[in-house]
């Protein structure tokens, strides 16, 4: 059974960083991508069992860690991965940085598809690579890949950072779309780094790992973690899947340079517990809840003058088109924070393609979600009356 808790006072960014992030703490936080639901009992019990041994020293990744991942991928994604392909890691963003360092050189081009998760930009720039923006286009009610532009950018690139499912638009890319990406990647010899951290939270369609396509096994780095799904981000436990032996060895050599070789003892136990059939039943309940929350949020927001909510096919994040409000990006931020008293992520932080948009996290209780959406509606009505 899903349980929603008051997280204030637990040193969580979402609630306890409001003053620092938004300048006030009397707002409802609907921003950073973690959730208000408690972890399933399976995970909590695994952590308690590990905590019963009062020594938390350097910890290895045992074989059950790898077996759990392999089993999860077979059940959830119908992809039979080998144990040798799996490399433990301490975070997806850490692994993005490692991949950029390992497989590109200074001034090489790296493709991203904006609007995009902000660490994609930061990781490329941090390593002095060139950002090549293959901006998504909005067509037929959803964001889609501009393949003509992708092919042009591929001619100047060494790598594509793919976000699949896509954050913030919530797209689940189809098999045909993934095949088109694969054809371009093979034609221009691109390494594809696929961030699939939201792939368990599928509300519509089916997630397919691009690395599972026959012609992508020698050029794909797949990144995943149970952190978003099971709300365990602070346990810093993720993994990388690389089928090609040469790529895997090279990635591992650069991973060693970070010094992040040892595991988090609680994160390891949490992953093993998350990827069980018992936790999978909890996940199915969660997906029903999130889909209902998404539908309610889309319906309520689309009644607000000037705002269009784009239904997410995956994730617990909604991408809001606020361009019809006529507000600038700064005005939008101030409207939501100071007038509606709801804290969202500013669309412009996801790149220029996010200008005029906002991102809303709906992974909260139904009561809080209704309160937040009601505040937005009331604030817009007040604004329009004043105008």
Protein backbone atom coordinates (compact mmCIF):
# COMPACT_ATOMS: atom_id res chain seq x y z
CA UNK A 1 0.00 0.00 0.00
CA UNK A 2 1.29 3.45 -0.90
CA UNK A 3 2.00 5.75 2.02
CA UNK A 4 2.57 9.48 1.71
CA UNK A 5 4.52 11.25 4.44
CA UNK A 6 5.32 14.76 5.60
CA UNK A 7 8.98 15.13 4.64
CA UNK A 8 9.62 18.47 6.30
CA UNK A 9 12.46 18.38 8.80
CA UNK A 10 14.15 15.35 7.19
CA UNK A 11 16.80 17.49 5.43
CA UNK A 12 15.27 16.76 2.03
CA UNK A 13 15.91 19.26 -0.74
CA UNK A 14 12.32 19.22 -1.87
CA UNK A 15 10.88 20.69 1.33
CA UNK A 16 13.78 21.90 3.47
CA UNK A 17 15.53 23.92 0.74
CA UNK A 18 12.51 26.03 -0.19
CA UNK A 19 13.81 29.26 1.35
CA UNK A 20 17.16 28.85 -0.36
CA UNK A 21 15.66 27.77 -3.69
CA UNK A 22 12.60 30.03 -3.97
CA UNK A 23 13.16 32.78 -1.40
CA UNK A 24 10.24 31.70 0.76
CA UNK A 25 9.12 28.58 2.58
CA UNK A 26 5.34 29.00 2.54
CA UNK A 27 4.92 27.29 -0.84
CA UNK A 28 4.04 23.76 -1.93
CA UNK A 29 7.11 22.07 -3.47
CA UNK A 30 6.38 20.49 -6.85
CA UNK A 31 9.89 20.72 -8.27
CA UNK A 32 12.92 18.44 -7.79
CA UNK A 33 12.35 14.92 -9.15
CA UNK A 34 11.85 12.86 -6.05
CA UNK A 35 8.62 11.75 -4.46
CA UNK A 36 6.60 11.97 -1.26
CA UNK A 37 5.72 8.26 -1.11
CA UNK A 38 7.48 5.97 1.36
CA UNK A 39 9.68 3.19 0.03
CA UNK A 40 8.10 -0.27 -0.10
CA UNK A 41 8.38 -2.39 3.03
CA UNK A 42 10.74 -4.78 1.26
CA UNK A 43 13.36 -2.03 0.96
CA UNK A 44 12.83 -0.69 4.45
CA UNK A 45 13.24 -4.18 5.92
CA UNK A 46 16.42 -4.82 3.91
CA UNK A 47 17.96 -1.58 5.17
CA UNK A 48 16.95 -2.32 8.78
CA UNK A 49 18.47 -5.79 8.52
CA UNK A 50 21.73 -4.35 7.26
CA UNK A 51 21.70 -1.65 9.95
CA UNK A 52 21.44 -4.34 12.62
CA UNK A 53 25.13 -5.06 11.99
CA UNK A 54 26.79 -1.99 13.58
CA UNK A 55 29.75 -1.73 11.20
CA UNK A 56 29.39 0.16 7.94
CA UNK A 57 32.81 -0.24 6.37
CA UNK A 58 33.92 -0.54 2.76
CA UNK A 59 31.32 -2.66 0.98
CA UNK A 60 31.54 -4.82 -2.12
CA UNK A 61 28.85 -5.53 -4.70
CA UNK A 62 27.85 -9.17 -4.18
CA UNK A 63 26.56 -11.52 -6.85
CA UNK A 64 22.96 -11.01 -5.72
CA UNK A 65 23.31 -7.36 -6.75
CA UNK A 66 24.04 -8.39 -10.35
CA UNK A 67 21.45 -11.18 -10.37
CA UNK A 68 18.77 -8.74 -9.20
CA UNK A 69 19.49 -6.36 -12.09
CA UNK A 70 19.62 -9.17 -14.63
CA UNK A 71 16.30 -10.56 -13.39
CA UNK A 72 14.65 -7.12 -13.39
CA UNK A 73 15.64 -6.47 -16.99
CA UNK A 74 14.36 -9.86 -18.11
CA UNK A 75 10.99 -9.32 -16.40
CA UNK A 76 10.40 -5.63 -17.03
CA UNK A 77 12.11 -5.04 -20.37
CA UNK A 78 12.40 -8.49 -21.96
CA UNK A 79 16.12 -7.94 -22.42
CA UNK A 80 18.47 -10.75 -21.43
CA UNK A 81 21.64 -9.05 -20.23
CA UNK A 82 24.81 -10.82 -19.09
CA UNK A 83 26.24 -10.30 -15.66
CA UNK A 84 29.55 -9.16 -17.19
CA UNK A 85 27.86 -6.21 -18.91
CA UNK A 86 26.89 -4.61 -15.60
CA UNK A 87 29.12 -2.06 -13.90
CA UNK A 88 28.02 -0.69 -10.51
CA UNK A 89 28.12 3.08 -10.14
CA UNK A 90 27.26 5.80 -7.64
CA UNK A 91 24.88 7.82 -9.76
CA UNK A 92 23.61 8.35 -13.29
CA UNK A 93 25.01 11.88 -13.49
CA UNK A 94 28.40 10.60 -12.31
CA UNK A 95 28.28 8.01 -15.10
CA UNK A 96 27.33 10.63 -17.71
CA UNK A 97 30.44 12.56 -16.77
CA UNK A 98 32.54 9.40 -16.86
CA UNK A 99 31.27 8.49 -20.33
CA UNK A 100 31.97 11.96 -21.72
CA UNK A 101 35.51 11.82 -20.34
CA UNK A 102 36.10 8.28 -21.59
CA UNK A 103 34.73 8.48 -25.12
CA UNK A 104 35.18 12.09 -26.26
CA UNK A 105 37.99 14.63 -26.38
CA UNK A 106 38.09 18.37 -25.73
CA UNK A 107 36.05 20.30 -28.34
CA UNK A 108 34.27 17.17 -29.58
CA UNK A 109 30.55 17.60 -30.25
CA UNK A 110 27.98 15.99 -27.96
CA UNK A 111 24.32 15.98 -29.01
CA UNK A 112 21.49 16.66 -26.59
CA UNK A 113 17.76 16.93 -27.29
CA UNK A 114 16.33 19.99 -25.61
CA UNK A 115 14.42 20.76 -23.52
CA UNK A 116 16.59 18.46 -21.40
CA UNK A 117 17.57 17.55 -17.84
CA UNK A 118 20.00 20.36 -16.87
CA UNK A 119 22.99 18.13 -15.86
CA UNK A 120 23.29 17.13 -19.52
CA UNK A 121 24.37 20.70 -20.36
CA UNK A 122 26.59 21.00 -17.32
CA UNK A 123 28.37 17.71 -17.90
CA UNK A 124 29.27 18.57 -21.49
CA UNK A 125 30.49 22.06 -20.64
CA UNK A 126 32.39 20.87 -17.56
CA UNK A 127 34.57 18.74 -19.83
CA UNK A 128 35.03 21.46 -22.47
CA UNK A 129 33.03 19.63 -25.13
CA UNK A 130 30.69 21.33 -27.59
CA UNK A 131 26.94 21.23 -27.03
CA UNK A 132 25.06 20.31 -30.21
CA UNK A 133 21.36 20.94 -29.68
CA UNK A 134 18.95 18.69 -31.57
CA UNK A 135 15.84 20.53 -30.34
CA UNK A 136 12.68 18.44 -30.08
CA UNK A 137 9.69 19.60 -32.09
CA UNK A 138 6.10 19.64 -30.83
CA UNK A 139 3.85 17.83 -33.28
CA UNK A 140 0.56 15.94 -32.99
CA UNK A 141 0.31 16.65 -29.28
CA UNK A 142 3.75 15.39 -28.28
CA UNK A 143 7.43 16.25 -28.52
CA UNK A 144 9.19 14.41 -31.33
CA UNK A 145 12.74 14.09 -32.63
CA UNK A 146 13.78 16.24 -35.58
CA UNK A 147 15.62 13.49 -37.46
CA UNK A 148 16.79 15.73 -40.31
CA UNK A 149 18.48 17.99 -37.79
CA UNK A 150 19.79 15.02 -35.80
CA UNK A 151 21.55 13.71 -38.90
CA UNK A 152 23.13 17.11 -39.52
CA UNK A 153 24.34 17.34 -35.94
CA UNK A 154 25.61 13.74 -36.02
CA UNK A 155 28.09 14.68 -38.73
CA UNK A 156 29.82 16.96 -36.22
CA UNK A 157 29.46 14.80 -33.11
CA UNK A 158 31.15 11.96 -31.26
CA UNK A 159 28.33 11.23 -28.83
CA UNK A 160 24.58 11.44 -28.33
CA UNK A 161 23.25 11.85 -24.80
CA UNK A 162 19.83 10.24 -25.03
CA UNK A 163 17.25 10.69 -22.26
CA UNK A 164 14.85 7.76 -22.61
CA UNK A 165 12.17 8.16 -21.33
CA UNK A 166 12.63 11.85 -21.84
CA UNK A 167 12.86 14.36 -19.00
CA UNK A 168 11.10 16.83 -18.94
CA UNK A 169 8.65 16.07 -21.76
CA UNK A 170 7.71 12.59 -20.53
CA UNK A 171 8.09 10.95 -23.95
CA UNK A 172 8.45 7.19 -24.34
CA UNK A 173 10.23 6.79 -27.64
CA UNK A 174 8.74 4.21 -30.01
CA UNK A 175 10.62 1.35 -31.61
CA UNK A 176 10.59 3.18 -34.95
CA UNK A 177 12.06 6.31 -33.34
CA UNK A 178 14.78 4.27 -31.66
CA UNK A 179 15.57 2.49 -34.92
CA UNK A 180 15.97 5.86 -36.64
CA UNK A 181 18.33 7.01 -33.90
CA UNK A 182 20.26 3.75 -34.25
CA UNK A 183 20.58 4.13 -38.01
CA UNK A 184 22.02 7.63 -37.62
CA UNK A 185 24.33 6.56 -34.79
CA UNK A 186 25.73 3.74 -36.93
CA UNK A 187 26.02 5.89 -40.03
CA UNK A 188 28.11 8.51 -38.22
CA UNK A 189 29.80 6.29 -35.64
CA UNK A 190 28.23 7.89 -32.57
CA UNK A 191 28.53 6.59 -29.04
CA UNK A 192 25.05 6.70 -27.49
CA UNK A 193 24.80 7.26 -23.74
CA UNK A 194 21.22 6.42 -22.81
CA UNK A 195 19.94 7.73 -19.47
CA UNK A 196 17.04 5.38 -18.69
CA UNK A 197 16.51 6.24 -15.03
CA UNK A 198 12.76 6.81 -15.56
CA UNK A 199 12.21 3.60 -17.54
CA UNK A 200 10.34 1.85 -14.72
CA UNK A 201 7.74 4.63 -14.54
CA UNK A 202 5.89 4.01 -17.80
CA UNK A 203 2.33 5.34 -17.93
CA UNK A 204 1.69 4.83 -21.65
CA UNK A 205 3.45 2.66 -24.22
CA UNK A 206 6.44 0.41 -23.64
CA UNK A 207 10.03 1.21 -22.78
CA UNK A 208 12.67 -0.29 -25.06
CA UNK A 209 16.35 0.08 -24.24
CA UNK A 210 18.09 1.27 -27.38
CA UNK A 211 21.05 -0.97 -26.52
CA UNK A 212 18.79 -4.01 -26.99
CA UNK A 213 18.59 -3.28 -30.74
CA UNK A 214 20.91 -5.61 -32.64
CA UNK A 215 22.92 -2.84 -34.30
CA UNK A 216 23.47 -0.85 -31.11
CA UNK A 217 25.22 -3.32 -28.83
CA UNK A 218 28.69 -2.06 -29.79
CA UNK A 219 28.04 1.65 -29.30
CA UNK A 220 25.63 2.08 -26.39
CA UNK A 221 26.18 2.90 -22.72
CA UNK A 222 22.95 2.35 -20.75
CA UNK A 223 22.50 4.12 -17.40
CA UNK A 224 19.87 3.16 -14.86
CA UNK A 225 19.09 3.19 -11.14
CA UNK A 226 16.19 2.32 -8.84
CA UNK A 227 16.40 5.78 -7.26
CA UNK A 228 13.51 7.57 -9.02
CA UNK A 229 11.16 4.60 -9.00
CA UNK A 230 11.64 3.59 -5.38
CA UNK A 231 12.51 7.01 -3.92
CA UNK A 232 16.03 6.11 -2.75
CA UNK A 233 18.14 8.75 -4.51
CA UNK A 234 20.27 9.55 -1.45
CA UNK A 235 21.58 5.98 -1.33
CA UNK A 236 23.77 6.76 -4.36
CA UNK A 237 23.46 3.41 -6.08
CA UNK A 238 23.15 2.98 -9.83
CA UNK A 239 24.56 0.84 -12.61
CA UNK A 240 25.83 0.93 -16.19
CA UNK A 241 25.19 -1.69 -18.87
CA UNK A 242 27.79 -2.01 -21.64
CA UNK A 243 27.74 -5.07 -23.88
CA UNK A 244 30.85 -4.25 -25.93
CA UNK A 245 33.92 -5.49 -24.06
CA UNK A 246 36.25 -2.78 -25.36
CA UNK A 247 33.86 0.05 -24.43
CA UNK A 248 33.21 -1.52 -21.05
CA UNK A 249 36.91 -1.78 -20.22
CA UNK A 250 37.51 1.81 -21.27
CA UNK A 251 34.57 3.10 -19.24
CA UNK A 252 35.76 1.12 -16.23
CA UNK A 253 39.28 2.54 -16.48
CA UNK A 254 37.92 6.09 -16.36
CA UNK A 255 35.48 5.14 -13.62
CA UNK A 256 38.40 4.01 -11.48
CA UNK A 257 39.97 7.46 -11.86
CA UNK A 258 37.05 8.99 -9.97
CA UNK A 259 37.93 6.93 -6.91
CA UNK A 260 34.26 5.98 -6.49
CA UNK A 261 34.84 2.25 -6.43
CA UNK A 262 33.15 1.15 -3.22
CA UNK A 263 29.42 0.70 -2.79
CA UNK A 264 26.94 2.18 -0.36
CA UNK A 265 26.04 -0.71 1.92
CA UNK A 266 22.43 0.44 2.27
CA UNK A 267 22.09 1.25 -1.42
CA UNK A 268 23.21 -2.23 -2.41
CA UNK A 269 20.66 -3.86 -0.13
CA UNK A 270 17.96 -1.44 -1.29
CA UNK A 271 18.55 -2.26 -4.96
CA UNK A 272 18.38 -5.99 -4.32
CA UNK A 273 15.12 -5.54 -2.42
CA UNK A 274 13.69 -3.15 -5.04
CA UNK A 275 14.22 -5.59 -7.88
CA UNK A 276 12.17 -8.40 -6.34
CA UNK A 277 8.76 -9.62 -7.41
CA UNK A 278 7.27 -8.33 -4.14
CA UNK A 279 8.50 -4.78 -4.83
CA UNK A 280 7.31 -5.17 -8.41
CA UNK A 281 3.75 -5.61 -7.13
CA UNK A 282 4.16 -2.36 -5.18
CA UNK A 283 5.39 -0.69 -8.39
CA UNK A 284 2.30 -1.78 -10.28
CA UNK A 285 0.15 -0.13 -7.62
CA UNK A 286 2.29 3.00 -7.85
CA UNK A 287 1.88 3.18 -11.63
CA UNK A 288 -1.92 3.09 -11.34
CA UNK A 289 -1.79 5.88 -8.77
CA UNK A 290 0.58 8.02 -10.84
CA UNK A 291 -1.48 7.59 -13.98
CA UNK A 292 -4.61 8.72 -12.13
CA UNK A 293 -2.69 11.68 -10.67
CA UNK A 294 -1.41 12.62 -14.11
CA UNK A 295 -4.89 12.51 -15.61
CA UNK A 296 -6.30 14.64 -12.81
CA UNK A 297 -3.48 17.16 -13.09
CA UNK A 298 -3.80 17.44 -16.87
CA UNK A 299 -7.55 17.94 -16.61
CA UNK A 300 -7.28 20.60 -13.90
CA UNK A 301 -4.38 22.48 -15.48
CA UNK A 302 -5.95 22.56 -18.92
CA UNK A 303 -8.82 24.50 -17.36
CA UNK A 304 -6.39 27.23 -16.27
CA UNK A 305 -6.32 30.14 -18.69
CA UNK A 306 -3.07 30.21 -20.67
CA UNK A 307 -1.67 26.85 -19.50
CA UNK A 308 -1.56 23.58 -21.43
CA UNK A 309 -0.37 20.44 -19.66
CA UNK A 310 1.27 17.90 -21.97
CA UNK A 311 0.33 14.38 -20.79
CA UNK A 312 3.44 12.49 -19.73
CA UNK A 313 3.85 9.01 -21.18
CA UNK A 314 6.42 8.30 -18.46
CA UNK A 315 7.89 9.83 -15.28
CA UNK A 316 5.94 11.67 -12.59
CA UNK A 317 6.72 15.02 -14.21
CA UNK A 318 4.41 17.24 -16.25
CA UNK A 319 5.69 19.69 -18.84
CA UNK A 320 3.49 22.79 -18.84
CA UNK A 321 3.20 25.05 -21.86
CA UNK A 322 2.63 28.51 -20.42
CA UNK A 323 3.43 30.49 -23.56
CA UNK A 324 -0.19 31.62 -23.98
CA UNK A 325 -0.01 33.47 -20.66
CA UNK A 326 2.25 36.03 -22.34
CA UNK A 327 4.57 36.02 -19.32
CA UNK A 328 8.35 36.10 -19.57
CA UNK A 329 10.37 33.37 -17.87
CA UNK A 330 11.02 35.57 -14.86
CA UNK A 331 7.35 36.51 -14.67
CA UNK A 332 6.34 32.86 -14.83
CA UNK A 333 8.65 31.98 -11.95
CA UNK A 334 7.30 34.85 -9.87
CA UNK A 335 3.70 33.98 -10.73
CA UNK A 336 3.99 30.40 -9.51
CA UNK A 337 6.10 31.23 -6.43
CA UNK A 338 4.64 34.52 -5.24
CA UNK A 339 1.07 34.44 -6.54
CA UNK A 340 0.20 30.73 -6.61
CA UNK A 341 2.68 29.80 -3.87
CA UNK A 342 3.73 26.65 -5.69
CA UNK A 343 7.37 25.84 -6.42
CA UNK A 344 8.03 24.36 -9.89
CA UNK A 345 11.14 23.97 -12.03
CA UNK A 346 11.58 26.83 -14.48
CA UNK A 347 11.39 25.64 -18.08
CA UNK A 348 14.26 27.87 -19.14
CA UNK A 349 16.61 25.80 -16.95
CA UNK A 350 16.11 22.97 -19.45
CA UNK A 351 17.53 25.08 -22.27
CA UNK A 352 16.22 27.77 -24.57
CA UNK A 353 13.64 25.30 -25.87
CA UNK A 354 12.11 25.40 -22.39
CA UNK A 355 11.39 29.12 -22.47
CA UNK A 356 7.73 29.69 -21.62
CA UNK A 357 7.38 26.29 -19.95
CA UNK A 358 7.40 24.98 -16.38
CA UNK A 359 7.90 21.47 -14.98
CA UNK A 360 5.58 20.10 -12.28
CA UNK A 361 6.26 17.03 -10.10
CA UNK A 362 3.00 15.19 -9.31
CA UNK A 363 4.52 12.42 -7.14
CA UNK A 364 2.69 13.54 -4.02
CA UNK A 365 -0.56 12.80 -2.24
CA UNK A 366 -3.83 13.50 -4.03
CA UNK A 367 -4.72 16.13 -1.43
CA UNK A 368 -1.49 18.07 -1.93
CA UNK A 369 -1.78 17.83 -5.71
CA UNK A 370 -5.33 19.17 -5.66
CA UNK A 371 -4.28 21.98 -3.33
CA UNK A 372 -1.37 22.96 -5.58
CA UNK A 373 -3.42 22.91 -8.77
CA UNK A 374 -6.21 24.84 -7.08
CA UNK A 375 -3.73 27.49 -6.04
CA UNK A 376 -2.54 27.85 -9.64
CA UNK A 377 -6.10 28.19 -10.91
CA UNK A 378 -7.04 30.74 -8.23
CA UNK A 379 -3.88 32.78 -8.83
CA UNK A 380 -4.52 32.95 -12.55
CA UNK A 381 -8.11 34.06 -12.00
CA UNK A 382 -6.93 36.80 -9.63
CA UNK A 383 -4.35 37.94 -12.15
CA UNK A 384 -6.86 38.08 -15.00
CA UNK A 385 -9.36 39.99 -12.88
CA UNK A 386 -6.69 42.49 -11.93
CA UNK A 387 -5.70 42.95 -15.54
